[in-house]
Amino acid sequence: MTAAAAAGAPPAPLNRTMIVASVMLATILTALDATIANVALPHMAGSVSASQDQIAWVLTSYIVASAICTPMTGWLSNRFGRKRLLVIAVTGFIAASALCGAAQNLAQIVLFRVAQGAFAAPLIPMSQALILDIFTLSERGPAMSIWGVGVMVAPIVGPVLGGWLTDSLSWRWVFYINLPVGALCLLGIMTFIPDTPPDRSRRFDIVGFSLLAIAIAAVQLAFDRGQSQGWFDSAEIIAEASVAFAALWFSFVHSFTSEKPFLPLGVFKDRNFSAASLLGVMVGVVIFSVAALLPTMLQSEYGYSVLQAGMLTAPRGFGSIVSMLVVGRLIGRVDTRILLIVGQAIFAGSFYHMSLFTLDTPSIEVISNGVFQGLGTGLVFLPLTTMAFATLAPDTRGDATSFYTLMRNLGGSAGISIMLALLVNFSAGARGQLVEPYSPENPMMQPSVLPQSMSITDATGVVVLSSQIDRQAAMLGYTQVFHFMFIVTLAMMPVVLLMRSPTQAPSRSAATAPVEH
């Protein structure tokens, strides 16, 4: 750490630029690995002789481990100092990635993915806290816009990069790619990140952490496995939901009665942070859900390949980059709440447009909608993050950023599961309506009217006709889900009115004060 940093002075402009670049790399590592392995799952399954349900644990293990360990970020930063924590986290992530790539069976992959998720957990909240510390309120917009590019674009680029690496090299390279990027990130952290002295006065609340960890794990498992197990028709899902409710209830009770609880409920007294956290959950629901559903729709209903679907969804990331860079300049000059409302309105418009998609929708329309939606993403994500921490005291940022990240990610996980369940139900309902006219008694269904290839009196014709009905029903299911996202987006817009704009920016000394917990 430089003498200037030790004296509490802000880092030099070059150092601040390199700090943002370093933490952005750390953010990209975390966000990328949440999706890059998705397209490689079939290849992994064949390599380690795993079933579809078994190989899904490659994704679930990473998500659950990351979700459980994210709330520990504040305490760990306090215990070890933020620079040491970042070095440990990135080093562990690189090692776990190498082990994932070298794994020889499913048990090894899942074990190393747990380690990868655990080490990845502190990277996003610590990166966020660092930017909040080294920039004043008026300077945070441009810095957060650069950082936000990694958060929003990496999950979109992940499937494209993962598909290319898997097809060109091997599924193992979706993990090995982390090694050079991680090494560069580690070098930047060790060279440019200012450190904070460890403070071991805060006792680790093992009871509070255990209760919260159990609740998070149970919730995550219930959402991840709910669709495949039939939701509450399954004893497993009922048990997981019951455990989650009980653990969360006792966690709240413990937090209210403990002198220094692990779950810092005090941060939720800040109106901006509470409203932004609620919006963050709802934004996570729609952003992560559409990112999961759209590539699947393009492959299953339109017949695009994995790589083609990835290329069609990638322009959404381009829209996000453009809007974040522009919005970064507008924050501080325009009421942030107005930016949020405009972004949500763009979201609503894009989802409504998607609800009008048909099987004949051209690819250029999908691309243009993605760019439009990406513009909305920047207008929502960056102002929302700024408002969440604008009125919080600097000494609460470590805990606040970790729980804000956790709630957004849980919203995304829950949203994907809920939207997939709605897709199945909507598709089933649409199929029931579509098959009603196909009866021998209907004059329009007679062999003289229908094409021979779709005759309901011929076995082959019935198969062809049934596949076409299934395809139409699935498409209707997707459009109804997108319409539901449109309704959800409209419903969350009034929450912005609960927020208040900060009357003044914090002083430079406050903005650059070390994070204390």
Protein backbone atom coordinates (compact mmCIF):
# COMPACT_ATOMS: atom_id res chain seq x y z
CA MET A 1 0.00 0.00 0.00
CA THR A 2 1.32 3.44 -0.90
CA ALA A 3 2.05 6.12 1.63
CA ALA A 4 -0.76 8.22 0.23
CA ALA A 5 -3.22 5.43 0.65
CA ALA A 6 -2.00 4.81 4.15
CA ALA A 7 -2.52 8.45 5.00
CA GLY A 8 -6.12 8.29 3.83
CA ALA A 9 -5.57 10.26 0.61
CA PRO A 10 -7.40 9.06 -2.51
CA PRO A 11 -5.44 6.86 -4.90
CA ALA A 12 -3.80 8.61 -7.84
CA PRO A 13 -5.99 8.76 -10.99
CA LEU A 14 -3.93 6.05 -12.71
CA ASN A 15 -4.23 3.83 -9.66
CA ARG A 16 -7.99 4.35 -9.52
CA THR A 17 -8.25 3.39 -13.18
CA MET A 18 -6.25 0.24 -12.56
CA ILE A 19 -8.29 -0.55 -9.43
CA VAL A 20 -11.50 -0.42 -11.48
CA ALA A 21 -9.90 -2.59 -14.18
CA SER A 22 -8.71 -5.13 -11.60
CA VAL A 23 -12.03 -5.47 -9.78
CA MET A 24 -13.87 -5.58 -13.11
CA LEU A 25 -11.79 -8.63 -14.05
CA ALA A 26 -12.73 -10.21 -10.72
CA THR A 27 -16.39 -9.47 -11.44
CA ILE A 28 -16.17 -10.94 -14.93
CA LEU A 29 -14.65 -14.14 -13.53
CA THR A 30 -17.56 -14.61 -11.14
CA ALA A 31 -20.37 -13.62 -13.50
CA LEU A 32 -18.93 -15.57 -16.43
CA ASP A 33 -18.65 -18.83 -14.54
CA ALA A 34 -22.31 -18.70 -13.55
CA THR A 35 -23.29 -19.37 -17.20
CA ILE A 36 -20.25 -20.46 -19.22
CA ALA A 37 -20.60 -24.11 -18.22
CA ASN A 38 -24.28 -24.35 -19.23
CA VAL A 39 -23.73 -25.26 -22.87
CA ALA A 40 -20.94 -27.71 -21.98
CA LEU A 41 -23.13 -29.85 -19.69
CA PRO A 42 -24.01 -32.51 -22.33
CA HIS A 43 -20.32 -32.95 -23.15
CA MET A 44 -19.45 -33.19 -19.44
CA ALA A 45 -22.20 -35.74 -18.89
CA GLY A 46 -20.85 -37.97 -21.66
CA SER A 47 -17.29 -37.61 -20.39
CA VAL A 48 -18.05 -38.62 -16.80
CA SER A 49 -21.02 -40.94 -17.54
CA ALA A 50 -23.59 -38.83 -15.69
CA SER A 51 -27.33 -38.50 -16.24
CA GLN A 52 -29.05 -35.19 -17.01
CA ASP A 53 -30.22 -34.79 -13.41
CA GLN A 54 -26.78 -35.64 -12.05
CA ILE A 55 -24.83 -33.27 -14.31
CA ALA A 56 -27.16 -30.41 -13.28
CA TRP A 57 -25.34 -30.44 -9.93
CA VAL A 58 -22.38 -28.87 -11.75
CA LEU A 59 -24.48 -25.70 -11.93
CA THR A 60 -26.37 -26.10 -8.66
CA SER A 61 -23.27 -26.71 -6.54
CA TYR A 62 -21.63 -23.48 -7.75
CA ILE A 63 -24.77 -21.40 -7.17
CA VAL A 64 -25.49 -22.82 -3.70
CA ALA A 65 -21.88 -22.46 -2.50
CA SER A 66 -21.69 -18.90 -3.76
CA ALA A 67 -25.05 -17.99 -2.20
CA ILE A 68 -24.08 -19.41 1.20
CA CYS A 69 -20.69 -17.70 1.32
CA THR A 70 -21.72 -14.28 -0.03
CA PRO A 71 -23.08 -13.02 3.35
CA MET A 72 -19.69 -13.79 4.94
CA THR A 73 -17.98 -11.11 2.84
CA GLY A 74 -18.38 -8.31 5.37
CA TRP A 75 -16.96 -10.32 8.27
CA LEU A 76 -14.13 -11.79 6.18
CA SER A 77 -13.14 -8.36 4.89
CA ASN A 78 -13.06 -7.10 8.44
CA ARG A 79 -11.09 -10.10 9.64
CA PHE A 80 -8.40 -10.28 6.95
CA GLY A 81 -8.46 -6.85 5.28
CA ARG A 82 -9.98 -6.37 1.85
CA LYS A 83 -6.78 -6.77 -0.20
CA ARG A 84 -5.84 -10.03 1.49
CA LEU A 85 -9.40 -11.31 1.10
CA LEU A 86 -9.39 -10.51 -2.62
CA VAL A 87 -6.01 -12.22 -3.08
CA ILE A 88 -7.22 -15.34 -1.23
CA ALA A 89 -10.50 -15.39 -3.16
CA VAL A 90 -8.93 -15.01 -6.62
CA THR A 91 -6.12 -17.48 -5.87
CA GLY A 92 -8.62 -20.03 -4.59
CA PHE A 93 -10.87 -19.45 -7.59
CA ILE A 94 -7.98 -20.04 -10.02
CA ALA A 95 -6.95 -23.25 -8.21
CA ALA A 96 -10.54 -24.53 -8.10
CA SER A 97 -10.95 -23.76 -11.83
CA ALA A 98 -7.84 -25.77 -12.66
CA LEU A 99 -9.12 -28.67 -10.58
CA CYS A 100 -12.54 -28.51 -12.30
CA GLY A 101 -10.86 -28.73 -15.68
CA ALA A 102 -8.76 -31.72 -14.58
CA ALA A 103 -11.63 -33.58 -12.82
CA GLN A 104 -12.08 -37.22 -13.82
CA ASN A 105 -15.54 -37.97 -12.44
CA LEU A 106 -18.77 -36.25 -11.43
CA ALA A 107 -18.00 -36.23 -7.71
CA GLN A 108 -14.73 -34.37 -8.33
CA ILE A 109 -16.37 -31.79 -10.61
CA VAL A 110 -19.12 -31.07 -8.08
CA LEU A 111 -16.64 -30.85 -5.18
CA PHE A 112 -14.36 -28.45 -7.05
CA ARG A 113 -17.35 -26.40 -8.25
CA VAL A 114 -18.37 -25.98 -4.60
CA ALA A 115 -14.89 -24.62 -3.89
CA GLN A 116 -15.07 -22.40 -6.97
CA GLY A 117 -18.41 -20.94 -5.88
CA ALA A 118 -17.18 -20.36 -2.32
CA PHE A 119 -14.09 -18.48 -3.47
CA ALA A 120 -16.12 -16.51 -6.03
CA ALA A 121 -18.64 -15.29 -3.44
CA PRO A 122 -16.67 -12.26 -2.10
CA LEU A 123 -15.56 -10.95 -5.49
CA ILE A 124 -18.64 -9.00 -6.62
CA PRO A 125 -19.56 -7.41 -3.26
CA MET A 126 -15.91 -6.56 -2.50
CA SER A 127 -15.47 -5.06 -5.96
CA GLN A 128 -18.59 -2.98 -5.43
CA ALA A 129 -17.46 -1.82 -1.98
CA LEU A 130 -14.04 -0.82 -3.32
CA ILE A 131 -15.51 1.41 -6.02
CA LEU A 132 -17.85 3.01 -3.49
CA ASP A 133 -14.87 3.71 -1.23
CA ILE A 134 -12.44 5.28 -3.69
CA PHE A 135 -14.91 7.50 -5.58
CA THR A 136 -17.12 10.29 -4.29
CA LEU A 137 -20.85 10.19 -4.98
CA SER A 138 -20.49 12.51 -7.98
CA GLU A 139 -17.68 10.36 -9.44
CA ARG A 140 -19.24 6.95 -8.94
CA GLY A 141 -21.45 6.97 -12.02
CA PRO A 142 -18.72 6.53 -14.67
CA ALA A 143 -16.76 4.09 -12.48
CA MET A 144 -19.82 1.98 -11.69
CA SER A 145 -20.78 1.98 -15.37
CA ILE A 146 -17.45 0.38 -16.31
CA TRP A 147 -17.76 -2.13 -13.47
CA GLY A 148 -21.39 -2.86 -14.33
CA VAL A 149 -20.46 -3.86 -17.85
CA GLY A 150 -18.77 -6.94 -16.41
CA VAL A 151 -21.73 -7.84 -14.20
CA MET A 152 -24.34 -7.64 -16.95
CA VAL A 153 -22.43 -8.64 -20.08
CA ALA A 154 -20.42 -11.61 -18.77
CA PRO A 155 -23.51 -13.86 -18.23
CA ILE A 156 -24.62 -13.08 -21.80
CA VAL A 157 -21.20 -13.74 -23.32
CA GLY A 158 -20.75 -16.88 -21.20
CA PRO A 159 -22.86 -19.29 -23.28
CA VAL A 160 -21.31 -18.04 -26.55
CA LEU A 161 -17.76 -18.40 -25.24
CA GLY A 162 -18.58 -21.72 -23.58
CA GLY A 163 -20.07 -23.10 -26.81
CA TRP A 164 -17.07 -22.02 -28.86
CA LEU A 165 -14.53 -23.43 -26.38
CA THR A 166 -16.42 -26.72 -26.11
CA ASP A 167 -16.79 -27.16 -29.87
CA SER A 168 -13.25 -26.03 -30.71
CA LEU A 169 -11.27 -27.51 -27.83
CA SER A 170 -12.96 -29.37 -24.96
CA TRP A 171 -15.45 -28.76 -22.14
CA ARG A 172 -12.44 -28.58 -19.82
CA TRP A 173 -11.49 -25.24 -21.36
CA VAL A 174 -14.59 -23.53 -19.97
CA PHE A 175 -12.68 -23.84 -16.68
CA TYR A 176 -9.10 -23.48 -17.94
CA ILE A 177 -9.97 -20.10 -19.51
CA ASN A 178 -10.17 -18.74 -15.95
CA LEU A 179 -6.46 -19.31 -15.36
CA PRO A 180 -4.94 -16.55 -17.55
CA VAL A 181 -7.78 -14.11 -16.77
CA GLY A 182 -7.48 -14.89 -13.06
CA ALA A 183 -3.69 -14.46 -13.11
CA LEU A 184 -4.05 -11.02 -14.70
CA CYS A 185 -6.72 -10.08 -12.14
CA LEU A 186 -4.49 -11.28 -9.28
CA LEU A 187 -1.58 -9.22 -10.55
CA GLY A 188 -3.77 -6.11 -10.67
CA ILE A 189 -5.10 -6.68 -7.16
CA MET A 190 -1.66 -7.22 -5.64
CA THR A 191 -0.25 -4.15 -7.42
CA PHE A 192 -3.00 -1.54 -7.17
CA ILE A 193 -5.62 -2.41 -4.55
CA PRO A 194 -5.22 -0.42 -1.29
CA ASP A 195 -5.43 -2.52 1.84
CA THR A 196 -7.33 -2.05 5.06
CA PRO A 197 -5.87 -3.20 8.39
CA PRO A 198 -7.48 -6.32 9.84
CA ASP A 199 -9.86 -5.77 12.74
CA ARG A 200 -10.47 -8.92 14.73
CA SER A 201 -12.68 -7.29 17.36
CA ARG A 202 -15.89 -8.43 15.68
CA ARG A 203 -16.79 -11.93 16.80
CA PHE A 204 -18.01 -14.38 14.18
CA ASP A 205 -21.66 -15.20 14.82
CA ILE A 206 -21.58 -18.92 14.08
CA VAL A 207 -25.23 -19.43 15.06
CA GLY A 208 -26.46 -16.62 12.82
CA PHE A 209 -24.32 -17.75 9.90
CA SER A 210 -25.37 -21.39 10.24
CA LEU A 211 -29.06 -20.53 10.31
CA LEU A 212 -28.77 -18.22 7.30
CA ALA A 213 -26.62 -20.73 5.38
CA ILE A 214 -29.16 -23.49 5.96
CA ALA A 215 -32.00 -21.20 4.84
CA ILE A 216 -30.15 -20.10 1.69
CA ALA A 217 -29.14 -23.65 0.75
CA ALA A 218 -32.66 -24.99 1.29
CA VAL A 219 -34.25 -22.16 -0.73
CA GLN A 220 -31.75 -22.60 -3.54
CA LEU A 221 -32.23 -26.35 -3.70
CA ALA A 222 -36.02 -25.99 -3.65
CA PHE A 223 -35.95 -23.55 -6.58
CA ASP A 224 -33.34 -25.51 -8.55
CA ARG A 225 -35.07 -28.89 -8.18
CA GLY A 226 -38.69 -27.77 -7.91
CA GLN A 227 -39.53 -28.07 -11.61
CA SER A 228 -37.98 -31.52 -12.06
CA GLN A 229 -39.54 -32.86 -8.84
CA GLY A 230 -43.05 -31.51 -9.35
CA TRP A 231 -42.80 -28.72 -6.79
CA PHE A 232 -45.01 -29.27 -3.74
CA ASP A 233 -46.20 -32.64 -4.99
CA SER A 234 -42.72 -33.79 -3.96
CA ALA A 235 -41.80 -34.66 -0.37
CA GLU A 236 -38.28 -33.39 -1.08
CA ILE A 237 -39.47 -29.89 -2.03
CA ILE A 238 -41.85 -29.74 0.94
CA ALA A 239 -38.98 -30.71 3.25
CA GLU A 240 -36.61 -28.13 1.73
CA ALA A 241 -39.23 -25.36 1.94
CA SER A 242 -39.99 -26.26 5.55
CA VAL A 243 -36.31 -26.22 6.50
CA ALA A 244 -35.84 -22.88 4.71
CA PHE A 245 -38.80 -21.29 6.52
CA ALA A 246 -37.74 -22.57 9.94
CA ALA A 247 -34.09 -21.58 9.50
CA LEU A 248 -34.99 -18.12 8.20
CA TRP A 249 -37.44 -17.54 11.06
CA PHE A 250 -34.88 -18.50 13.71
CA SER A 251 -32.27 -16.40 11.88
CA PHE A 252 -34.49 -13.30 12.17
CA VAL A 253 -35.22 -14.02 15.83
CA HIS A 254 -31.51 -14.46 16.53
CA SER A 255 -30.67 -11.24 14.67
CA PHE A 256 -33.15 -9.24 16.76
CA THR A 257 -31.95 -10.68 20.05
CA SER A 258 -28.18 -10.90 19.49
CA GLU A 259 -25.91 -7.97 20.35
CA LYS A 260 -23.79 -8.35 17.19
CA PRO A 261 -25.71 -10.57 14.78
CA PHE A 262 -24.37 -12.02 11.56
CA LEU A 263 -27.43 -10.73 9.69
CA PRO A 264 -27.16 -6.92 10.05
CA LEU A 265 -30.81 -5.91 9.96
CA GLY A 266 -29.80 -2.32 10.71
CA VAL A 267 -28.85 -1.67 7.07
CA PHE A 268 -32.48 -2.23 6.08
CA LYS A 269 -33.50 0.80 8.14
CA ASP A 270 -32.15 2.89 5.28
CA ARG A 271 -35.13 3.51 3.00
CA ASN A 272 -33.08 3.67 -0.19
CA PHE A 273 -31.28 0.41 0.54
CA SER A 274 -34.49 -1.43 1.44
CA ALA A 275 -36.36 -0.20 -1.64
CA ALA A 276 -33.36 -0.90 -3.90
CA SER A 277 -32.98 -4.41 -2.44
CA LEU A 278 -36.65 -5.13 -3.17
CA LEU A 279 -36.27 -3.79 -6.69
CA GLY A 280 -33.02 -5.74 -7.04
CA VAL A 281 -34.85 -8.99 -6.32
CA MET A 282 -37.54 -8.17 -8.88
CA VAL A 283 -35.03 -6.99 -11.48
CA GLY A 284 -33.07 -10.19 -10.90
CA VAL A 285 -36.24 -12.17 -11.58
CA VAL A 286 -36.80 -10.68 -15.04
CA ILE A 287 -33.18 -10.16 -16.17
CA PHE A 288 -31.92 -13.64 -15.27
CA SER A 289 -35.12 -15.30 -16.45
CA VAL A 290 -35.12 -13.82 -19.92
CA ALA A 291 -31.41 -14.63 -20.24
CA ALA A 292 -32.22 -18.27 -19.46
CA LEU A 293 -35.42 -18.60 -21.53
CA LEU A 294 -34.52 -16.78 -24.74
CA PRO A 295 -31.61 -19.03 -25.87
CA THR A 296 -33.72 -22.11 -25.13
CA MET A 297 -36.61 -20.73 -27.17
CA LEU A 298 -34.34 -19.90 -30.09
CA GLN A 299 -32.93 -23.42 -30.13
CA SER A 300 -36.08 -25.46 -29.47
CA GLU A 301 -38.69 -23.45 -31.39
CA TYR A 302 -36.66 -21.72 -34.11
CA GLY A 303 -34.11 -24.46 -34.69
CA TYR A 304 -30.97 -22.39 -34.17
CA SER A 305 -27.76 -24.05 -32.99
CA VAL A 306 -26.23 -23.29 -29.60
CA LEU A 307 -23.68 -20.93 -31.13
CA GLN A 308 -26.30 -19.22 -33.34
CA ALA A 309 -28.59 -18.70 -30.34
CA GLY A 310 -25.69 -17.23 -28.43
CA MET A 311 -24.90 -14.85 -31.28
CA LEU A 312 -28.53 -13.72 -31.46
CA THR A 313 -28.63 -12.93 -27.74
CA ALA A 314 -25.19 -11.30 -27.57
CA PRO A 315 -26.39 -7.90 -28.94
CA ARG A 316 -28.30 -7.49 -25.69
CA GLY A 317 -24.89 -7.11 -24.07
CA PHE A 318 -23.95 -4.45 -26.61
CA GLY A 319 -27.05 -2.45 -25.64
CA SER A 320 -26.09 -2.80 -21.97
CA ILE A 321 -22.57 -1.50 -22.59
CA VAL A 322 -23.82 1.55 -24.48
CA SER A 323 -26.47 2.46 -21.91
CA MET A 324 -24.17 1.96 -18.92
CA LEU A 325 -21.49 4.20 -20.36
CA VAL A 326 -24.07 6.90 -21.13
CA VAL A 327 -25.91 6.55 -17.82
CA GLY A 328 -22.61 6.74 -15.94
CA ARG A 329 -22.28 10.31 -17.25
CA LEU A 330 -25.89 11.20 -16.43
CA ILE A 331 -25.87 10.11 -12.79
CA GLY A 332 -25.44 13.21 -10.66
CA ARG A 333 -26.81 15.44 -13.41
CA VAL A 334 -30.25 13.86 -13.76
CA ASP A 335 -32.49 12.62 -10.95
CA THR A 336 -31.50 8.96 -10.62
CA ARG A 337 -35.10 7.98 -10.02
CA ILE A 338 -36.06 9.30 -13.45
CA LEU A 339 -33.36 7.11 -15.03
CA LEU A 340 -34.77 4.13 -13.15
CA ILE A 341 -38.32 4.81 -14.36
CA VAL A 342 -37.15 5.21 -17.96
CA GLY A 343 -35.16 1.98 -17.76
CA GLN A 344 -38.11 0.05 -16.38
CA ALA A 345 -40.35 1.50 -19.08
CA ILE A 346 -37.89 0.23 -21.71
CA PHE A 347 -37.91 -3.16 -19.99
CA ALA A 348 -41.70 -3.24 -20.06
CA GLY A 349 -41.77 -2.30 -23.74
CA SER A 350 -39.25 -5.00 -24.68
CA PHE A 351 -41.13 -7.70 -22.78
CA TYR A 352 -44.43 -6.65 -24.33
CA HIS A 353 -42.80 -6.86 -27.76
CA MET A 354 -41.48 -10.34 -26.94
CA SER A 355 -45.00 -11.41 -25.96
CA LEU A 356 -45.96 -10.77 -29.62
CA PHE A 357 -43.27 -13.08 -31.03
CA THR A 358 -44.43 -15.84 -33.36
CA LEU A 359 -42.70 -18.78 -35.01
CA ASP A 360 -42.23 -16.54 -38.06
CA THR A 361 -40.46 -13.73 -36.18
CA PRO A 362 -37.25 -12.91 -38.11
CA SER A 363 -33.87 -12.98 -36.39
CA ILE A 364 -33.33 -9.25 -36.96
CA GLU A 365 -36.39 -8.55 -34.79
CA VAL A 366 -34.94 -10.72 -32.01
CA ILE A 367 -31.64 -8.86 -32.26
CA SER A 368 -33.21 -5.39 -32.24
CA ASN A 369 -35.35 -6.29 -29.23
CA GLY A 370 -32.24 -7.53 -27.45
CA VAL A 371 -30.38 -4.28 -28.07
CA PHE A 372 -33.42 -2.31 -26.86
CA GLN A 373 -33.66 -4.48 -23.75
CA GLY A 374 -29.94 -4.04 -23.12
CA LEU A 375 -30.40 -0.28 -23.14
CA GLY A 376 -33.01 -0.72 -20.40
CA THR A 377 -30.66 -2.96 -18.42
CA GLY A 378 -28.07 -0.20 -18.09
CA LEU A 379 -30.72 2.34 -17.18
CA VAL A 380 -31.97 0.08 -14.37
CA PHE A 381 -28.91 -1.71 -13.04
CA LEU A 382 -26.50 1.19 -12.59
CA PRO A 383 -28.93 3.78 -11.11
CA LEU A 384 -30.37 1.10 -8.82
CA THR A 385 -26.92 0.19 -7.49
CA THR A 386 -26.09 3.87 -7.02
CA MET A 387 -29.31 4.60 -5.12
CA ALA A 388 -28.91 1.52 -2.91
CA PHE A 389 -25.72 2.86 -1.31
CA ALA A 390 -26.13 6.62 -1.76
CA THR A 391 -27.41 7.26 1.76
CA LEU A 392 -25.68 4.43 3.64
CA ALA A 393 -22.88 5.15 6.08
CA PRO A 394 -19.45 4.03 4.76
CA ASP A 395 -18.92 1.63 7.67
CA THR A 396 -21.95 -0.44 6.61
CA ARG A 397 -20.94 -0.97 2.98
CA GLY A 398 -19.18 -4.31 3.44
CA ASP A 399 -22.28 -6.01 4.86
CA ALA A 400 -24.66 -4.03 2.64
CA THR A 401 -22.95 -4.95 -0.65
CA SER A 402 -22.82 -8.64 0.24
CA PHE A 403 -26.51 -8.83 1.15
CA TYR A 404 -27.53 -6.70 -1.83
CA THR A 405 -25.66 -9.09 -4.14
CA LEU A 406 -27.17 -12.09 -2.36
CA MET A 407 -30.75 -10.82 -2.72
CA ARG A 408 -30.32 -10.01 -6.41
CA ASN A 409 -28.87 -13.46 -7.09
CA LEU A 410 -31.59 -15.21 -5.11
CA GLY A 411 -34.15 -13.21 -7.07
CA GLY A 412 -32.54 -14.41 -10.28
CA SER A 413 -32.51 -18.03 -9.16
CA ALA A 414 -36.11 -17.86 -7.98
CA GLY A 415 -37.15 -16.08 -11.16
CA ILE A 416 -35.68 -18.72 -13.44
CA SER A 417 -37.43 -21.51 -11.55
CA ILE A 418 -40.75 -19.66 -11.41
CA MET A 419 -40.67 -18.71 -15.09
CA LEU A 420 -39.78 -22.27 -16.13
CA ALA A 421 -42.71 -23.56 -14.09
CA LEU A 422 -45.01 -21.00 -15.69
CA LEU A 423 -43.68 -21.97 -19.12
CA VAL A 424 -44.60 -25.61 -18.55
CA ASN A 425 -48.07 -24.72 -17.28
CA PHE A 426 -48.78 -22.15 -20.00
CA SER A 427 -47.59 -24.53 -22.71
CA ALA A 428 -49.77 -27.34 -21.36
CA GLY A 429 -52.79 -25.03 -21.25
CA ALA A 430 -52.14 -23.79 -24.78
CA ARG A 431 -51.82 -27.35 -26.08
CA GLY A 432 -55.15 -28.27 -24.53
CA GLN A 433 -56.80 -25.41 -26.39
CA LEU A 434 -55.02 -26.15 -29.67
CA VAL A 435 -56.01 -29.83 -29.81
CA GLU A 436 -59.74 -29.20 -29.21
CA PRO A 437 -60.60 -28.54 -32.90
CA TYR A 438 -58.71 -31.64 -34.08
CA SER A 439 -61.59 -34.07 -33.97
CA PRO A 440 -62.96 -36.43 -36.65
CA GLU A 441 -66.34 -34.73 -36.19
CA ASN A 442 -64.94 -31.33 -37.23
CA PRO A 443 -65.61 -30.74 -40.96
CA MET A 444 -62.40 -28.75 -41.25
CA MET A 445 -60.35 -31.73 -40.05
CA GLN A 446 -61.42 -34.13 -42.78
CA PRO A 447 -58.75 -35.74 -45.02
CA SER A 448 -60.03 -33.75 -47.99
CA VAL A 449 -59.22 -30.48 -46.18
CA LEU A 450 -55.99 -31.22 -44.31
CA PRO A 451 -52.71 -31.91 -46.13
CA GLN A 452 -51.97 -35.62 -46.44
CA SER A 453 -48.89 -35.21 -44.21
CA MET A 454 -51.15 -34.06 -41.34
CA SER A 455 -54.12 -36.35 -41.77
CA ILE A 456 -55.71 -37.32 -38.47
CA THR A 457 -56.70 -40.68 -39.94
CA ASP A 458 -53.08 -41.64 -40.66
CA ALA A 459 -50.58 -42.61 -37.94
CA THR A 460 -47.72 -40.69 -39.52
CA GLY A 461 -49.96 -37.69 -40.07
CA VAL A 462 -50.98 -37.72 -36.40
CA VAL A 463 -47.31 -37.69 -35.34
CA VAL A 464 -46.51 -34.76 -37.65
CA LEU A 465 -49.59 -32.86 -36.58
CA SER A 466 -48.85 -33.49 -32.90
CA SER A 467 -45.30 -32.17 -33.23
CA GLN A 468 -46.58 -29.00 -34.89
CA ILE A 469 -49.15 -28.50 -32.13
CA ASP A 470 -46.45 -29.02 -29.49
CA ARG A 471 -44.26 -26.42 -31.17
CA GLN A 472 -47.09 -23.90 -31.39
CA ALA A 473 -48.10 -24.58 -27.77
CA ALA A 474 -44.53 -24.09 -26.55
CA MET A 475 -44.28 -20.83 -28.45
CA LEU A 476 -47.52 -19.62 -26.90
CA GLY A 477 -46.15 -20.63 -23.51
CA TYR A 478 -43.04 -18.50 -24.04
CA THR A 479 -45.06 -15.47 -25.14
CA GLN A 480 -47.33 -15.75 -22.09
CA VAL A 481 -44.28 -15.87 -19.82
CA PHE A 482 -42.90 -12.75 -21.51
CA HIS A 483 -46.26 -11.06 -20.98
CA PHE A 484 -46.06 -12.00 -17.31
CA MET A 485 -42.61 -10.37 -17.15
CA PHE A 486 -44.20 -7.26 -18.68
CA ILE A 487 -46.77 -7.20 -15.85
CA VAL A 488 -44.08 -7.76 -13.19
CA THR A 489 -42.02 -4.87 -14.59
CA LEU A 490 -44.99 -2.52 -14.50
CA ALA A 491 -45.82 -3.61 -10.95
CA MET A 492 -42.34 -2.81 -9.63
CA MET A 493 -42.14 0.71 -11.10
CA PRO A 494 -43.93 2.44 -8.15
CA VAL A 495 -41.25 1.12 -5.75
CA VAL A 496 -38.93 3.81 -7.17
CA LEU A 497 -41.14 6.43 -5.51
CA LEU A 498 -40.06 5.09 -2.09
CA MET A 499 -36.50 6.25 -2.71
CA ARG A 500 -35.09 9.69 -2.01
CA SER A 501 -32.21 11.44 -3.75
CA PRO A 502 -29.20 12.22 -1.53
CA THR A 503 -29.03 15.92 -0.78
CA GLN A 504 -25.27 16.08 -0.97
CA ALA A 505 -22.31 13.91 -1.83
CA PRO A 506 -20.21 12.59 1.02
CA SER A 507 -16.88 14.21 1.58
CA ARG A 508 -13.77 12.83 -0.03
CA SER A 509 -12.54 11.56 3.31
CA ALA A 510 -15.79 9.74 3.88
CA ALA A 511 -15.77 8.32 0.40
CA THR A 512 -12.28 6.95 0.76
CA ALA A 513 -12.51 5.79 4.34
CA PRO A 514 -11.60 2.16 4.92
CA VAL A 515 -14.45 -0.29 5.12
CA GLU A 516 -15.23 -1.21 8.71
CA HIS A 517 -17.73 -3.79 9.84
